[in-house]
Protein backbone atom coordinates (compact mmCIF):
# COMPACT_ATOMS: atom_id res chain seq x y z
CA MET A 1 -70.19 -69.68 -60.22
CA VAL A 2 -69.52 -73.34 -60.75
CA GLU A 3 -66.86 -74.08 -63.41
CA ILE A 4 -66.74 -70.49 -64.73
CA ARG A 5 -62.94 -70.35 -64.82
CA HIS A 6 -62.61 -73.59 -66.76
CA GLU A 7 -65.32 -72.68 -69.26
CA GLY A 8 -64.08 -69.09 -69.57
CA VAL A 9 -60.53 -70.15 -70.41
CA ARG A 10 -61.86 -72.72 -72.88
CA LEU A 11 -63.91 -70.04 -74.66
CA LEU A 12 -61.05 -67.50 -74.65
CA LYS A 13 -58.67 -70.04 -76.20
CA ALA A 14 -61.13 -71.21 -78.87
CA GLN A 15 -60.47 -70.15 -82.46
CA TYR A 16 -62.95 -67.72 -84.02
CA PRO A 17 -62.65 -65.99 -87.41
CA ASP A 18 -63.27 -62.52 -85.95
CA GLN A 19 -64.26 -60.69 -82.78
CA PRO A 20 -68.02 -60.37 -83.50
CA THR A 21 -68.23 -64.13 -84.03
CA ALA A 22 -66.25 -64.68 -80.83
CA PHE A 23 -68.53 -62.40 -78.80
CA SER A 24 -71.61 -64.23 -80.07
CA ALA A 25 -70.07 -67.67 -79.46
CA ILE A 26 -68.89 -66.77 -75.96
CA ARG A 27 -72.44 -65.75 -74.98
CA SER A 28 -74.24 -68.66 -76.62
CA GLU A 29 -71.77 -71.36 -75.56
CA LEU A 30 -71.56 -70.21 -71.96
CA GLU A 31 -75.34 -69.94 -71.68
CA THR A 32 -75.76 -73.38 -73.28
CA PHE A 33 -73.16 -74.91 -70.95
CA TYR A 34 -74.94 -73.59 -67.85
CA LYS A 35 -78.45 -74.44 -69.10
CA THR A 36 -77.29 -77.99 -69.85
CA ASN A 37 -75.09 -78.64 -66.81
CA HIS A 38 -76.21 -76.21 -64.13
CA ALA A 39 -79.79 -75.08 -64.78
CA ASP A 40 -80.03 -74.03 -61.13
CA VAL A 41 -77.28 -71.45 -61.69
CA VAL A 42 -79.09 -69.96 -64.67
CA ALA A 43 -82.30 -69.67 -62.66
CA ALA A 44 -80.71 -68.28 -59.49
CA LYS A 45 -77.79 -66.26 -60.87
CA LYS A 46 -78.77 -64.93 -64.30
CA GLU A 47 -77.16 -61.56 -63.50
CA SER A 48 -73.89 -63.26 -62.54
CA LEU A 49 -73.94 -65.23 -65.77
CA ASP A 50 -74.51 -62.03 -67.78
CA ARG A 51 -71.61 -60.32 -65.96
CA ALA A 52 -69.37 -63.33 -66.66
CA VAL A 53 -70.25 -63.15 -70.37
CA ASP A 54 -69.51 -59.40 -70.42
CA ALA A 55 -66.16 -59.94 -68.67
CA LEU A 56 -65.12 -62.74 -71.04
CA GLN A 57 -66.10 -60.70 -74.08
CA HIS A 58 -64.08 -57.76 -72.74
CA LEU A 59 -61.04 -60.00 -72.10
CA TYR A 60 -61.30 -61.45 -75.59
CA GLY A 61 -61.72 -58.03 -77.20
CA SER A 62 -58.70 -56.66 -75.33
CA ASN A 63 -56.35 -59.59 -75.93
CA VAL A 64 -57.28 -61.50 -79.09
CA PHE A 65 -56.98 -60.16 -82.63
CA PRO A 66 -57.76 -62.94 -85.15
CA SER A 67 -56.90 -60.82 -88.19
CA MET A 68 -53.40 -60.30 -86.75
CA LYS A 69 -53.13 -63.96 -85.68
CA VAL A 70 -52.84 -62.97 -82.01
CA SER A 71 -54.75 -65.35 -79.78
CA PHE A 72 -55.10 -65.76 -76.03
CA GLY A 73 -51.66 -66.99 -74.99
CA THR A 74 -49.81 -66.28 -78.28
CA TYR A 75 -47.19 -64.25 -76.44
CA ALA A 76 -45.82 -65.00 -73.00
CA ASN A 77 -46.53 -61.54 -71.64
CA ASN A 78 -47.88 -58.41 -73.27
CA VAL A 79 -48.43 -56.42 -70.11
CA GLY A 80 -47.14 -52.88 -70.07
CA HIS A 81 -44.15 -51.39 -71.77
CA THR A 82 -41.62 -51.39 -68.93
CA ASP A 83 -40.75 -54.99 -68.05
CA PHE A 84 -41.78 -56.57 -71.36
CA PRO A 85 -41.79 -55.14 -74.88
CA GLY A 86 -45.49 -55.95 -75.34
CA CYS A 87 -46.71 -54.42 -78.60
CA PHE A 88 -43.31 -52.86 -79.18
CA ARG A 89 -41.82 -56.25 -80.09
CA CYS A 90 -43.02 -55.37 -83.60
CA HIS A 91 -44.22 -51.78 -83.31
CA ASP A 92 -40.72 -50.43 -82.67
CA GLU A 93 -40.30 -48.64 -86.01
CA SER A 94 -37.18 -50.70 -86.73
CA HIS A 95 -38.90 -53.55 -88.60
CA LYS A 96 -38.69 -52.29 -92.19
CA ALA A 97 -40.48 -53.43 -95.32
CA LYS A 98 -38.68 -53.52 -98.67
CA ASP A 99 -39.97 -50.02 -99.44
CA GLY A 100 -38.50 -48.69 -96.16
CA THR A 101 -41.79 -48.24 -94.31
CA THR A 102 -41.97 -49.33 -90.70
CA ILE A 103 -44.72 -50.50 -88.37
CA SER A 104 -46.00 -47.39 -86.62
CA GLN A 105 -46.02 -46.95 -82.85
CA ASP A 106 -49.44 -45.31 -83.08
CA CYS A 107 -51.64 -47.45 -80.79
CA GLU A 108 -54.74 -46.54 -82.77
CA MET A 109 -53.27 -48.34 -85.78
CA CYS A 110 -54.50 -51.62 -84.22
CA HIS A 111 -56.64 -50.58 -81.25
CA ALA A 112 -59.47 -48.17 -80.60
CA VAL A 113 -58.18 -46.28 -77.59
CA GLU A 114 -61.06 -45.23 -75.37
CA ASP A 115 -61.22 -42.96 -72.37
CA VAL A 116 -61.75 -44.97 -69.18
CA PRO A 117 -63.85 -43.19 -66.56
CA ALA A 118 -61.96 -42.66 -63.28
CA ALA A 119 -64.52 -44.80 -61.42
CA ALA A 120 -63.66 -47.78 -63.65
CA THR A 121 -59.94 -47.79 -62.90
CA PRO A 122 -58.62 -50.05 -60.10
CA ALA A 123 -57.08 -47.10 -58.23
CA ALA A 124 -60.49 -45.46 -57.88
CA ASN A 125 -62.06 -48.52 -56.24
């Protein structure tokens, strides 16, 4: 699709107060952009536009956490736990509050961990 990368990055980097607002804005702004600038794409490729919206919403939901002040690009690299500390920069149980409590390493403290069907993983494709 024409200009999808540029518009997608713009929408992922935009500031939103929370994820539901972001999801709504990503859909409405991308649809408005294409209706205004590329009406032919909306008419001919509505399914592609819907898939692009879904993908952008998924990327935002997996990488941006406004309440924790983590935005798209806040950290240089959060991939994995082997080459980069990722979440464990802070969730290492060595950052202590005055009362001695630490930030837990329990992933579900910040994220809803969901089972991914085997067919959805890259190795299965």
